[in-house]
Amino acid sequence: MADAAEVLFYRLERAPLERVLPSLLERTLERGWRAVVQSGSAERLEALDLALWTYNDASFLPHGTARDGDPSRQPIYLTTGDETPNGAGVRFLVDGAEMTHFEGFVRIVCIFDGHDAEATGKARSQWKAAQAAGCTVTYWRQSESGRWEKQG
């Protein structure tokens, strides 16, 4: 399938989501892509909203949620649903959020806690679903130095 998204699985083992997600979002924006971050809970979404404003004293990541108005103007849109009102090419799935479809995205990034058996199980299920949908899937793990390395 030529239009299938590339699906990347990032296993968190050494750094928490609040430290990993901002750098991945920065790279996404640098490529000229918009992003949607879909969280598994409203509470975690609130924490991520704050983290994206405060993760770096010298900068911030432009983002918003439904309560901020006109989501189509947000380079990064935070949600707990499967909507994509900002026309994003990249979707990040965090804290157990599950992909409902793989069409319409250049890239889908599933970030999961490698120390949580339930999260790892969900990631495996999503891996199988992405493969069945004809997507290219890759698995990334942090090295001892904290750099992401593609596995197998």
C-alpha atoms as a PDB file:
ATOM      1  CA  MET A   1       0.000   0.000   0.000  1.00  0.00           C
ATOM      2  CA  ALA A   2       1.748   3.174  -1.219  1.00  0.00           C
ATOM      3  CA  ASP A   3      -0.184   5.578   1.006  1.00  0.00           C
ATOM      4  CA  ALA A   4       0.437   3.678   4.225  1.00  0.00           C
ATOM      5  CA  ALA A   5       1.883   5.619   7.123  1.00  0.00           C
ATOM      6  CA  GLU A   6       5.238   4.869   8.638  1.00  0.00           C
ATOM      7  CA  VAL A   7       4.596   3.740  12.230  1.00  0.00           C
ATOM      8  CA  LEU A   8       7.379   4.171  14.789  1.00  0.00           C
ATOM      9  CA  PHE A   9       7.292   2.555  18.225  1.00  0.00           C
ATOM     10  CA  TYR A  10       9.380   4.250  20.925  1.00  0.00           C
ATOM     11  CA  ARG A  11       9.954   2.236  24.093  1.00  0.00           C
ATOM     12  CA  LEU A  12      10.540   4.505  27.109  1.00  0.00           C
ATOM     13  CA  GLU A  13      13.033   3.023  29.541  1.00  0.00           C
ATOM     14  CA  ARG A  14      15.480   5.754  30.567  1.00  0.00           C
ATOM     15  CA  ALA A  15      13.577   9.045  30.303  1.00  0.00           C
ATOM     16  CA  PRO A  16       9.950   9.987  31.013  1.00  0.00           C
ATOM     17  CA  LEU A  17       7.506  11.029  28.314  1.00  0.00           C
ATOM     18  CA  GLU A  18       7.725  14.707  29.387  1.00  0.00           C
ATOM     19  CA  ARG A  19      11.431  14.720  28.438  1.00  0.00           C
ATOM     20  CA  VAL A  20      11.169  12.612  25.272  1.00  0.00           C
ATOM     21  CA  LEU A  21       8.063  14.046  23.604  1.00  0.00           C
ATOM     22  CA  PRO A  22       9.282  17.675  23.261  1.00  0.00           C
ATOM     23  CA  SER A  23      12.374  16.686  21.269  1.00  0.00           C
ATOM     24  CA  LEU A  24      10.329  14.460  18.960  1.00  0.00           C
ATOM     25  CA  LEU A  25       7.823  17.279  18.442  1.00  0.00           C
ATOM     26  CA  GLU A  26      10.632  19.755  17.730  1.00  0.00           C
ATOM     27  CA  ARG A  27      11.939  17.474  14.976  1.00  0.00           C
ATOM     28  CA  THR A  28       8.429  17.103  13.578  1.00  0.00           C
ATOM     29  CA  LEU A  29       7.973  20.881  13.314  1.00  0.00           C
ATOM     30  CA  GLU A  30      11.482  21.296  11.841  1.00  0.00           C
ATOM     31  CA  ARG A  31      10.384  19.033   8.969  1.00  0.00           C
ATOM     32  CA  GLY A  32       7.442  21.310   8.307  1.00  0.00           C
ATOM     33  CA  TRP A  33       4.850  18.851   9.601  1.00  0.00           C
ATOM     34  CA  ARG A  34       1.984  19.520  11.983  1.00  0.00           C
ATOM     35  CA  ALA A  35       1.276  17.072  14.791  1.00  0.00           C
ATOM     36  CA  VAL A  36      -1.553  15.708  16.880  1.00  0.00           C
ATOM     37  CA  VAL A  37      -0.718  14.270  20.292  1.00  0.00           C
ATOM     38  CA  GLN A  38      -3.399  11.845  21.452  1.00  0.00           C
ATOM     39  CA  SER A  39      -3.283  10.924  25.134  1.00  0.00           C
ATOM     40  CA  GLY A  40      -5.052   8.082  26.899  1.00  0.00           C
ATOM     41  CA  SER A  41      -6.418  10.382  29.641  1.00  0.00           C
ATOM     42  CA  ALA A  42      -7.499  13.971  30.212  1.00  0.00           C
ATOM     43  CA  GLU A  43      -5.271  14.247  33.298  1.00  0.00           C
ATOM     44  CA  ARG A  44      -2.171  13.261  31.347  1.00  0.00           C
ATOM     45  CA  LEU A  45      -3.170  15.636  28.556  1.00  0.00           C
ATOM     46  CA  GLU A  46      -3.195  18.524  31.059  1.00  0.00           C
ATOM     47  CA  ALA A  47       0.267  17.534  32.309  1.00  0.00           C
ATOM     48  CA  LEU A  48       1.617  17.370  28.749  1.00  0.00           C
ATOM     49  CA  ASP A  49       0.073  20.751  27.941  1.00  0.00           C
ATOM     50  CA  LEU A  50       2.017  22.310  30.820  1.00  0.00           C
ATOM     51  CA  ALA A  51       5.196  20.356  30.017  1.00  0.00           C
ATOM     52  CA  LEU A  52       5.272  21.630  26.429  1.00  0.00           C
ATOM     53  CA  TRP A  53       5.182  25.233  27.668  1.00  0.00           C
ATOM     54  CA  THR A  54       7.864  24.751  30.306  1.00  0.00           C
ATOM     55  CA  TYR A  55      10.241  21.990  29.139  1.00  0.00           C
ATOM     56  CA  ASN A  56      12.930  24.489  28.056  1.00  0.00           C
ATOM     57  CA  ASP A  57      13.617  27.913  29.568  1.00  0.00           C
ATOM     58  CA  ALA A  58      14.769  29.257  26.192  1.00  0.00           C
ATOM     59  CA  SER A  59      11.827  28.097  24.051  1.00  0.00           C
ATOM     60  CA  PHE A  60       8.397  26.487  23.931  1.00  0.00           C
ATOM     61  CA  LEU A  61       6.455  24.346  21.510  1.00  0.00           C
ATOM     62  CA  PRO A  62       3.440  26.107  19.952  1.00  0.00           C
ATOM     63  CA  HIS A  63       0.424  23.981  20.759  1.00  0.00           C
ATOM     64  CA  GLY A  64      -3.144  24.019  21.963  1.00  0.00           C
ATOM     65  CA  THR A  65      -6.212  22.022  22.906  1.00  0.00           C
ATOM     66  CA  ALA A  66      -9.893  22.334  22.019  1.00  0.00           C
ATOM     67  CA  ARG A  67     -10.391  24.903  24.800  1.00  0.00           C
ATOM     68  CA  ASP A  68      -7.808  27.234  23.186  1.00  0.00           C
ATOM     69  CA  GLY A  69     -10.063  27.892  20.197  1.00  0.00           C
ATOM     70  CA  ASP A  70      -9.551  27.359  16.452  1.00  0.00           C
ATOM     71  CA  PRO A  71      -7.658  24.055  16.497  1.00  0.00           C
ATOM     72  CA  SER A  72      -6.906  24.380  12.775  1.00  0.00           C
ATOM     73  CA  ARG A  73      -4.316  27.044  13.658  1.00  0.00           C
ATOM     74  CA  GLN A  74      -2.390  24.856  16.126  1.00  0.00           C
ATOM     75  CA  PRO A  75       0.920  23.413  14.837  1.00  0.00           C
ATOM     76  CA  ILE A  76       0.605  20.818  17.629  1.00  0.00           C
ATOM     77  CA  TYR A  77      -2.874  19.834  18.758  1.00  0.00           C
ATOM     78  CA  LEU A  78      -3.383  17.921  22.034  1.00  0.00           C
ATOM     79  CA  THR A  79      -6.413  15.661  22.406  1.00  0.00           C
ATOM     80  CA  THR A  80      -7.817  12.499  23.952  1.00  0.00           C
ATOM     81  CA  GLY A  81      -9.865  11.751  20.810  1.00  0.00           C
ATOM     82  CA  ASP A  82      -9.085  10.608  17.302  1.00  0.00           C
ATOM     83  CA  GLU A  83      -9.812  13.937  15.581  1.00  0.00           C
ATOM     84  CA  THR A  84      -7.198  15.761  13.500  1.00  0.00           C
ATOM     85  CA  PRO A  85      -8.544  19.323  13.173  1.00  0.00           C
ATOM     86  CA  ASN A  86      -5.166  20.891  12.363  1.00  0.00           C
ATOM     87  CA  GLY A  87      -4.482  18.773   9.278  1.00  0.00           C
ATOM     88  CA  ALA A  88      -1.543  17.058  10.988  1.00  0.00           C
ATOM     89  CA  GLY A  89       0.658  14.660   9.055  1.00  0.00           C
ATOM     90  CA  VAL A  90       2.036  13.092  12.225  1.00  0.00           C
ATOM     91  CA  ARG A  91       0.075  11.540  15.078  1.00  0.00           C
ATOM     92  CA  PHE A  92       1.663  10.751  18.446  1.00  0.00           C
ATOM     93  CA  LEU A  93      -0.050   8.147  20.618  1.00  0.00           C
ATOM     94  CA  VAL A  94       0.885   8.319  24.306  1.00  0.00           C
ATOM     95  CA  ASP A  95      -0.290   6.768  27.567  1.00  0.00           C
ATOM     96  CA  GLY A  96      -2.302   3.983  26.019  1.00  0.00           C
ATOM     97  CA  ALA A  97      -4.051   6.008  23.307  1.00  0.00           C
ATOM     98  CA  GLU A  98      -4.938   3.656  20.474  1.00  0.00           C
ATOM     99  CA  MET A  99      -4.935   4.229  16.750  1.00  0.00           C
ATOM    100  CA  THR A 100      -8.328   3.837  15.119  1.00  0.00           C
ATOM    101  CA  HIS A 101      -7.047   4.210  11.531  1.00  0.00           C
ATOM    102  CA  PHE A 102      -3.715   4.581   9.756  1.00  0.00           C
ATOM    103  CA  GLU A 103      -4.747   6.547   6.668  1.00  0.00           C
ATOM    104  CA  GLY A 104      -4.044  10.243   6.204  1.00  0.00           C
ATOM    105  CA  PHE A 105      -0.749  10.390   8.099  1.00  0.00           C
ATOM    106  CA  VAL A 106       2.851  10.459   6.964  1.00  0.00           C
ATOM    107  CA  ARG A 107       3.970   9.100  10.307  1.00  0.00           C
ATOM    108  CA  ILE A 108       2.399   7.685  13.455  1.00  0.00           C
ATOM    109  CA  VAL A 109       4.517   7.559  16.612  1.00  0.00           C
ATOM    110  CA  CYS A 110       3.499   5.235  19.429  1.00  0.00           C
ATOM    111  CA  ILE A 111       5.384   6.020  22.650  1.00  0.00           C
ATOM    112  CA  PHE A 112       4.990   3.496  25.449  1.00  0.00           C
ATOM    113  CA  ASP A 113       6.436   2.736  28.873  1.00  0.00           C
ATOM    114  CA  GLY A 114       8.769  -0.233  28.504  1.00  0.00           C
ATOM    115  CA  HIS A 115       8.486  -0.986  32.234  1.00  0.00           C
ATOM    116  CA  ASP A 116       4.689  -1.381  32.090  1.00  0.00           C
ATOM    117  CA  ALA A 117       3.487  -4.817  30.944  1.00  0.00           C
ATOM    118  CA  GLU A 118       0.032  -3.519  29.968  1.00  0.00           C
ATOM    119  CA  ALA A 119       1.503  -0.663  27.893  1.00  0.00           C
ATOM    120  CA  THR A 120       3.901  -3.075  26.200  1.00  0.00           C
ATOM    121  CA  GLY A 121       1.021  -5.420  25.403  1.00  0.00           C
ATOM    122  CA  LYS A 122      -0.987  -2.578  23.849  1.00  0.00           C
ATOM    123  CA  ALA A 123       2.036  -1.582  21.773  1.00  0.00           C
ATOM    124  CA  ARG A 124       2.343  -5.153  20.483  1.00  0.00           C
ATOM    125  CA  SER A 125      -1.316  -5.116  19.464  1.00  0.00           C
ATOM    126  CA  GLN A 126      -0.870  -1.811  17.674  1.00  0.00           C
ATOM    127  CA  TRP A 127       2.250  -3.162  15.940  1.00  0.00           C
ATOM    128  CA  LYS A 128       0.202  -6.067  14.553  1.00  0.00           C
ATOM    129  CA  ALA A 129      -2.635  -3.756  13.500  1.00  0.00           C
ATOM    130  CA  ALA A 130      -0.196  -1.399  11.728  1.00  0.00           C
ATOM    131  CA  GLN A 131       1.422  -4.301   9.872  1.00  0.00           C
ATOM    132  CA  ALA A 132      -2.009  -5.653   8.885  1.00  0.00           C
ATOM    133  CA  ALA A 133      -2.880  -2.186   7.521  1.00  0.00           C
ATOM    134  CA  GLY A 134       0.214  -2.314   5.277  1.00  0.00           C
ATOM    135  CA  CYS A 135       2.253   0.208   7.241  1.00  0.00           C
ATOM    136  CA  THR A 136       6.026   0.170   7.557  1.00  0.00           C
ATOM    137  CA  VAL A 137       6.786  -0.345  11.255  1.00  0.00           C
ATOM    138  CA  THR A 138      10.008   0.301  13.178  1.00  0.00           C
ATOM    139  CA  TYR A 139      10.980  -0.184  16.804  1.00  0.00           C
ATOM    140  CA  TRP A 140      13.212   2.289  18.684  1.00  0.00           C
ATOM    141  CA  ARG A 141      14.924   1.905  22.023  1.00  0.00           C
ATOM    142  CA  GLN A 142      17.132   4.232  24.066  1.00  0.00           C
ATOM    143  CA  SER A 143      20.816   3.369  24.308  1.00  0.00           C
ATOM    144  CA  GLU A 144      22.838   3.705  27.512  1.00  0.00           C
ATOM    145  CA  SER A 145      23.730   7.255  26.397  1.00  0.00           C
ATOM    146  CA  GLY A 146      20.048   8.124  25.903  1.00  0.00           C
ATOM    147  CA  ARG A 147      20.120   8.199  22.075  1.00  0.00           C
ATOM    148  CA  TRP A 148      17.383   6.461  20.131  1.00  0.00           C
ATOM    149  CA  GLU A 149      18.521   3.376  18.235  1.00  0.00           C
ATOM    150  CA  LYS A 150      16.514   1.454  15.686  1.00  0.00           C
ATOM    151  CA  GLN A 151      16.189  -2.204  16.691  1.00  0.00           C
ATOM    152  CA  GLY A 152      16.237  -5.228  14.381  1.00  0.00           C
END
